[in-house]
């Protein structure tokens, strides 16, 4: 995946909408079972088999402006972003097709593991099969015009770049939006450059429960992408146990002195606009990214 997420997926556009307040908003990739899925007949499936653990639903296909697909559950009207990299996709005649062959208005039967990631829109990484059951018409997506416009919005260049953290657990592939803590961002207005600087707490001065959290099985290889061209990335971390002890002594998390809490540097590689690093449970992370327009610090915790 390249450095421009908008061209590759709709989920960062959705995250940008959720984090429009920049400091106050965040989205986490919590996993829930079932969600909007409906069951299929498992009476003939061997116990514990993939078929027994599969669920199916009908969904309307919407192709967004950047070419990425959005599915809408026909039973609930709930939109979600499908992951189709490993899915078998067939047309109405049962012939294999590519994801790019799906068109707006198609009605498809979606089969997968039923694990939906909570975000807006939701994300469904466990899809195993997609079958077109009705060709439909592009006119069929007209009722979703407002949703399509919303998810096709580009980030306001006057706002700092957003980041997306991707990692895989035993259950699913997860995308997490870290919280923007501080930034300096330069924009041009009427031919003049203006620099905006945030006044926000340090990553260590935020309560753990107020931060987006990654739920990990152990040490986990992670990718971080940005919706603007990034020049450099530096990552630091602090032990959550050590922060909790320091907060008790200081009389609260907000009273912590960042200068008295040295951070541990995390080895990070930056290739083609994407950072890679290893995350571990029990640590709080701060990512500082440098762009042509300024510098942004993002924070999140790992459990």
Protein backbone atom coordinates (compact mmCIF):
# COMPACT_ATOMS: atom_id res chain seq x y z
CA UNK A 1 0.00 0.00 0.00
CA UNK A 2 1.34 3.41 -0.90
CA UNK A 3 1.48 6.59 1.12
CA UNK A 4 -1.80 8.02 -0.19
CA UNK A 5 -4.58 6.16 1.59
CA UNK A 6 -7.38 8.06 -0.12
CA UNK A 7 -6.62 6.41 -3.42
CA UNK A 8 -6.41 2.96 -1.91
CA UNK A 9 -9.33 2.81 0.51
CA UNK A 10 -12.32 4.72 1.81
CA UNK A 11 -11.67 4.03 5.46
CA UNK A 12 -9.24 6.94 6.01
CA UNK A 13 -11.80 9.30 4.50
CA UNK A 14 -14.28 8.04 7.06
CA UNK A 15 -11.70 8.38 9.83
CA UNK A 16 -11.01 11.95 8.73
CA UNK A 17 -14.69 12.75 9.17
CA UNK A 18 -14.71 11.22 12.64
CA UNK A 19 -11.58 13.13 13.67
CA UNK A 20 -12.58 16.51 12.22
CA UNK A 21 -12.13 18.02 15.68
CA UNK A 22 -8.55 16.69 15.49
CA UNK A 23 -7.85 16.42 19.18
CA UNK A 24 -11.15 15.20 20.50
CA UNK A 25 -12.01 12.39 18.12
CA UNK A 26 -10.69 8.95 17.47
CA UNK A 27 -11.79 5.61 16.08
CA UNK A 28 -10.69 2.23 17.34
CA UNK A 29 -10.77 -1.13 15.65
CA UNK A 30 -12.67 -3.10 18.28
CA UNK A 31 -13.83 -6.55 17.18
CA UNK A 32 -17.36 -7.82 17.75
CA UNK A 33 -18.98 -11.09 16.71
CA UNK A 34 -22.10 -11.27 14.66
CA UNK A 35 -23.02 -7.63 14.19
CA UNK A 36 -25.30 -7.25 11.19
CA UNK A 37 -24.66 -10.75 9.87
CA UNK A 38 -27.42 -13.30 9.39
CA UNK A 39 -26.89 -17.02 9.86
CA UNK A 40 -26.87 -19.70 7.16
CA UNK A 41 -27.89 -23.34 7.35
CA UNK A 42 -25.05 -25.20 9.05
CA UNK A 43 -26.89 -28.49 9.57
CA UNK A 44 -24.76 -30.33 7.00
CA UNK A 45 -21.43 -28.76 7.93
CA UNK A 46 -18.92 -30.75 10.01
CA UNK A 47 -18.47 -29.41 13.54
CA UNK A 48 -15.74 -26.82 13.68
CA UNK A 49 -15.47 -26.53 9.91
CA UNK A 50 -15.18 -23.23 8.04
CA UNK A 51 -18.72 -23.76 6.71
CA UNK A 52 -20.10 -24.19 10.21
CA UNK A 53 -18.46 -20.98 11.33
CA UNK A 54 -19.56 -18.96 8.29
CA UNK A 55 -22.40 -16.49 8.02
CA UNK A 56 -24.01 -15.01 4.94
CA UNK A 57 -25.88 -11.84 4.06
CA UNK A 58 -27.09 -9.94 1.04
CA UNK A 59 -25.49 -6.58 0.33
CA UNK A 60 -25.81 -3.77 -2.19
CA UNK A 61 -22.56 -2.77 -3.88
CA UNK A 62 -21.60 0.91 -4.10
CA UNK A 63 -18.41 1.96 -5.89
CA UNK A 64 -17.05 5.15 -4.34
CA UNK A 65 -15.41 7.96 -6.29
CA UNK A 66 -11.93 6.57 -5.68
CA UNK A 67 -12.96 3.17 -7.09
CA UNK A 68 -13.12 1.36 -3.75
CA UNK A 69 -16.20 -0.75 -2.93
CA UNK A 70 -18.67 -0.13 -0.14
CA UNK A 71 -21.28 -2.76 0.77
CA UNK A 72 -24.66 -2.00 2.37
CA UNK A 73 -26.34 -4.81 4.32
CA UNK A 74 -29.75 -5.30 2.69
CA UNK A 75 -31.42 -6.42 5.92
CA UNK A 76 -30.22 -3.58 8.15
CA UNK A 77 -29.12 -0.81 5.77
CA UNK A 78 -25.73 -0.76 7.48
CA UNK A 79 -22.76 0.26 5.29
CA UNK A 80 -19.38 -1.42 5.66
CA UNK A 81 -16.05 -1.66 3.87
CA UNK A 82 -15.27 -5.17 2.58
CA UNK A 83 -11.80 -6.68 2.42
CA UNK A 84 -11.77 -8.72 -0.79
CA UNK A 85 -8.07 -9.57 -1.23
CA UNK A 86 -8.55 -13.23 -0.27
CA UNK A 87 -12.20 -13.62 -1.22
CA UNK A 88 -13.55 -15.77 -4.05
CA UNK A 89 -15.71 -13.49 -6.23
CA UNK A 90 -18.08 -14.89 -8.85
CA UNK A 91 -20.65 -13.37 -11.19
CA UNK A 92 -24.31 -14.35 -11.53
CA UNK A 93 -23.31 -17.33 -13.72
CA UNK A 94 -20.73 -18.59 -11.22
CA UNK A 95 -17.74 -17.39 -13.25
CA UNK A 96 -14.76 -16.01 -11.31
CA UNK A 97 -14.38 -12.23 -11.56
CA UNK A 98 -12.14 -9.60 -9.99
CA UNK A 99 -13.23 -7.13 -7.32
CA UNK A 100 -12.82 -4.39 -9.93
CA UNK A 101 -15.59 -6.03 -11.97
CA UNK A 102 -18.19 -5.30 -9.28
CA UNK A 103 -20.36 -2.31 -10.17
CA UNK A 104 -22.69 0.01 -8.30
CA UNK A 105 -26.12 -1.54 -8.00
CA UNK A 106 -24.96 -5.17 -7.87
CA UNK A 107 -26.63 -7.22 -5.14
CA UNK A 108 -24.24 -9.82 -3.76
CA UNK A 109 -24.34 -12.66 -1.28
CA UNK A 110 -21.44 -12.17 1.12
CA UNK A 111 -20.06 -15.15 3.06
CA UNK A 112 -17.45 -14.80 5.79
CA UNK A 113 -16.56 -15.31 9.43
CA UNK A 114 -19.06 -12.74 10.72
CA UNK A 115 -16.46 -10.63 12.54
CA UNK A 116 -17.16 -6.94 11.95
CA UNK A 117 -14.77 -4.21 13.10
CA UNK A 118 -16.47 -1.30 14.84
CA UNK A 119 -15.79 1.95 13.01
CA UNK A 120 -17.80 4.09 10.67
CA UNK A 121 -18.30 2.60 8.22
CA UNK A 122 -17.61 -0.83 9.70
CA UNK A 123 -14.92 -3.04 8.23
CA UNK A 124 -15.35 -6.70 7.34
CA UNK A 125 -11.93 -8.35 6.80
CA UNK A 126 -13.11 -11.98 7.09
CA UNK A 127 -14.98 -12.28 3.78
CA UNK A 128 -14.35 -15.58 1.97
CA UNK A 129 -16.84 -15.45 -0.91
CA UNK A 130 -18.87 -12.86 -2.81
CA UNK A 131 -21.47 -13.96 -5.35
CA UNK A 132 -23.42 -11.59 -7.56
CA UNK A 133 -27.09 -12.61 -7.29
CA UNK A 134 -28.61 -9.59 -9.04
CA UNK A 135 -26.88 -7.32 -11.56
CA UNK A 136 -29.05 -4.39 -10.47
CA UNK A 137 -28.51 -0.87 -11.80
CA UNK A 138 -26.40 2.16 -10.82
CA UNK A 139 -29.73 3.92 -10.20
CA UNK A 140 -30.27 1.58 -7.24
CA UNK A 141 -27.62 3.40 -5.19
CA UNK A 142 -29.35 6.80 -5.54
CA UNK A 143 -30.78 6.62 -1.98
CA UNK A 144 -27.20 6.55 -0.70
CA UNK A 145 -26.05 9.74 -2.49
CA UNK A 146 -25.36 11.58 0.78
CA UNK A 147 -23.32 8.66 2.13
CA UNK A 148 -21.29 8.44 -1.09
CA UNK A 149 -20.56 12.16 -0.97
CA UNK A 150 -19.55 11.93 2.67
CA UNK A 151 -17.09 9.09 2.13
CA UNK A 152 -15.63 10.67 -1.00
CA UNK A 153 -14.65 13.89 0.77
CA UNK A 154 -10.96 14.78 0.58
CA UNK A 155 -9.18 15.98 3.68
CA UNK A 156 -9.21 19.75 4.12
CA UNK A 157 -5.63 20.84 3.33
CA UNK A 158 -5.91 23.23 6.26
CA UNK A 159 -6.12 20.27 8.63
CA UNK A 160 -3.09 18.19 9.64
CA UNK A 161 -2.58 14.81 8.01
CA UNK A 162 -4.36 11.77 9.41
CA UNK A 163 -2.68 8.42 10.13
CA UNK A 164 -3.94 4.84 9.94
CA UNK A 165 -2.35 1.98 11.89
CA UNK A 166 -2.86 -1.51 10.47
CA UNK A 167 -2.09 -4.78 12.23
CA UNK A 168 -3.32 -8.37 12.23
CA UNK A 169 -4.46 -10.45 15.20
CA UNK A 170 -5.72 -14.03 15.35
CA UNK A 171 -9.24 -12.71 14.78
CA UNK A 172 -8.91 -10.08 12.10
CA UNK A 173 -6.99 -7.40 10.30
CA UNK A 174 -7.51 -4.16 12.23
CA UNK A 175 -7.24 -0.50 11.26
CA UNK A 176 -6.88 1.99 14.11
CA UNK A 177 -6.88 5.79 13.91
CA UNK A 178 -4.47 7.26 16.49
CA UNK A 179 -5.35 10.48 18.31
CA UNK A 180 -3.75 13.69 17.08
CA UNK A 181 -2.10 15.23 20.14
CA UNK A 182 -0.17 18.19 18.82
CA UNK A 183 0.80 19.69 15.50
CA UNK A 184 2.11 22.65 13.58
CA UNK A 185 0.59 23.03 10.13
CA UNK A 186 1.20 25.69 7.48
CA UNK A 187 -1.48 26.56 4.93
CA UNK A 188 -1.80 29.19 2.25
CA UNK A 189 -4.73 31.59 2.31
CA UNK A 190 -5.11 34.36 -0.27
CA UNK A 191 -1.50 33.85 -1.28
CA UNK A 192 -0.13 34.17 2.26
CA UNK A 193 1.23 31.35 4.41
CA UNK A 194 -0.22 30.91 7.88
CA UNK A 195 1.00 28.43 10.48
CA UNK A 196 -1.42 26.86 12.94
CA UNK A 197 -0.05 25.35 16.14
CA UNK A 198 -2.14 23.24 18.50
CA UNK A 199 -2.14 23.59 22.27
CA UNK A 200 -2.63 20.02 23.44
CA UNK A 201 -1.46 17.81 26.30
CA UNK A 202 1.60 15.62 25.90
CA UNK A 203 0.86 11.98 25.05
CA UNK A 204 1.80 11.05 28.64
CA UNK A 205 -0.71 13.52 30.11
CA UNK A 206 -3.75 11.78 28.62
CA UNK A 207 -5.67 9.14 30.58
CA UNK A 208 -5.11 5.69 29.15
CA UNK A 209 -8.83 5.04 28.69
CA UNK A 210 -9.14 8.22 26.61
CA UNK A 211 -6.69 6.98 23.98
CA UNK A 212 -7.41 4.70 21.02
CA UNK A 213 -6.17 1.25 21.96
CA UNK A 214 -4.73 -1.59 19.94
CA UNK A 215 -5.64 -5.03 21.29
CA UNK A 216 -2.66 -7.27 20.56
CA UNK A 217 -1.88 -10.96 20.96
CA UNK A 218 1.78 -10.15 21.67
CA UNK A 219 4.58 -8.41 19.77
CA UNK A 220 2.94 -7.41 16.50
CA UNK A 221 4.37 -6.10 13.24
CA UNK A 222 2.51 -2.95 12.27
CA UNK A 223 2.18 -0.59 9.32
CA UNK A 224 1.42 3.13 9.60
CA UNK A 225 0.19 5.10 6.59
CA UNK A 226 -0.68 8.76 6.14
CA UNK A 227 -3.01 10.69 3.85
CA UNK A 228 -0.27 13.20 2.98
CA UNK A 229 3.27 12.66 1.77
CA UNK A 230 5.40 12.03 4.84
CA UNK A 231 9.10 12.98 5.01
CA UNK A 232 10.19 11.42 8.31
CA UNK A 233 8.72 9.37 11.14
CA UNK A 234 9.96 8.93 14.71
CA UNK A 235 8.28 6.72 17.32
CA UNK A 236 8.63 6.74 21.12
CA UNK A 237 6.95 4.72 23.85
CA UNK A 238 6.35 4.65 27.59
CA UNK A 239 5.42 1.75 29.88
CA UNK A 240 1.77 2.12 30.94
CA UNK A 241 2.60 0.65 34.35
CA UNK A 242 5.35 3.24 34.85
CA UNK A 243 3.02 6.05 33.76
CA UNK A 244 0.34 4.87 36.20
CA UNK A 245 2.84 4.83 39.08
CA UNK A 246 4.13 8.30 38.15
CA UNK A 247 0.57 9.64 37.93
CA UNK A 248 -0.18 8.35 41.42
CA UNK A 249 2.85 10.16 42.81
CA UNK A 250 2.06 13.36 40.87
CA UNK A 251 -1.58 13.46 41.88
CA UNK A 252 -3.01 12.69 38.46
CA UNK A 253 -2.13 12.01 34.85
CA UNK A 254 -2.63 15.64 33.80
CA UNK A 255 -0.04 16.70 36.41
CA UNK A 256 2.73 14.56 34.94
CA UNK A 257 5.88 16.36 33.79
CA UNK A 258 6.79 14.98 30.33
CA UNK A 259 10.41 16.08 30.79
CA UNK A 260 10.69 13.80 33.83
CA UNK A 261 9.44 10.76 31.91
CA UNK A 262 12.09 9.75 29.39
CA UNK A 263 10.73 7.83 26.41
CA UNK A 264 12.12 4.71 24.81
CA UNK A 265 12.89 5.06 21.10
CA UNK A 266 11.19 2.50 18.86
CA UNK A 267 13.02 1.27 15.79
CA UNK A 268 11.00 2.34 12.76
CA UNK A 269 11.53 1.99 9.02
CA UNK A 270 10.00 4.35 6.45
CA UNK A 271 9.56 2.98 2.93
CA UNK A 272 7.43 4.49 0.16
CA UNK A 273 5.59 6.71 2.61
CA UNK A 274 4.70 3.87 4.97
CA UNK A 275 6.26 3.27 8.40
CA UNK A 276 6.76 -0.22 9.82
CA UNK A 277 7.45 -1.05 13.46
CA UNK A 278 6.71 -3.62 16.16
CA UNK A 279 4.07 -2.90 18.81
CA UNK A 280 3.85 -4.60 22.20
CA UNK A 281 1.05 -4.73 24.77
CA UNK A 282 1.45 -2.57 27.86
CA UNK A 283 3.05 0.40 26.12
CA UNK A 284 1.87 3.86 25.10
CA UNK A 285 3.16 5.05 21.74
CA UNK A 286 3.69 8.48 20.19
CA UNK A 287 4.33 8.80 16.45
CA UNK A 288 5.81 12.09 15.27
CA UNK A 289 5.53 12.52 11.50
CA UNK A 290 7.08 15.32 9.45
CA UNK A 291 5.40 16.64 6.30
CA UNK A 292 6.09 19.54 3.97
CA UNK A 293 3.32 21.47 5.75
CA UNK A 294 4.44 20.74 9.28
CA UNK A 295 4.74 18.13 12.03
CA UNK A 296 2.06 16.02 13.71
CA UNK A 297 2.24 13.84 16.83
CA UNK A 298 -0.23 10.95 17.16
CA UNK A 299 -0.81 8.84 20.28
CA UNK A 300 -2.38 5.50 21.15
CA UNK A 301 -1.95 2.70 23.65
CA UNK A 302 -1.60 -1.06 23.37
CA UNK A 303 -3.26 -3.66 25.60
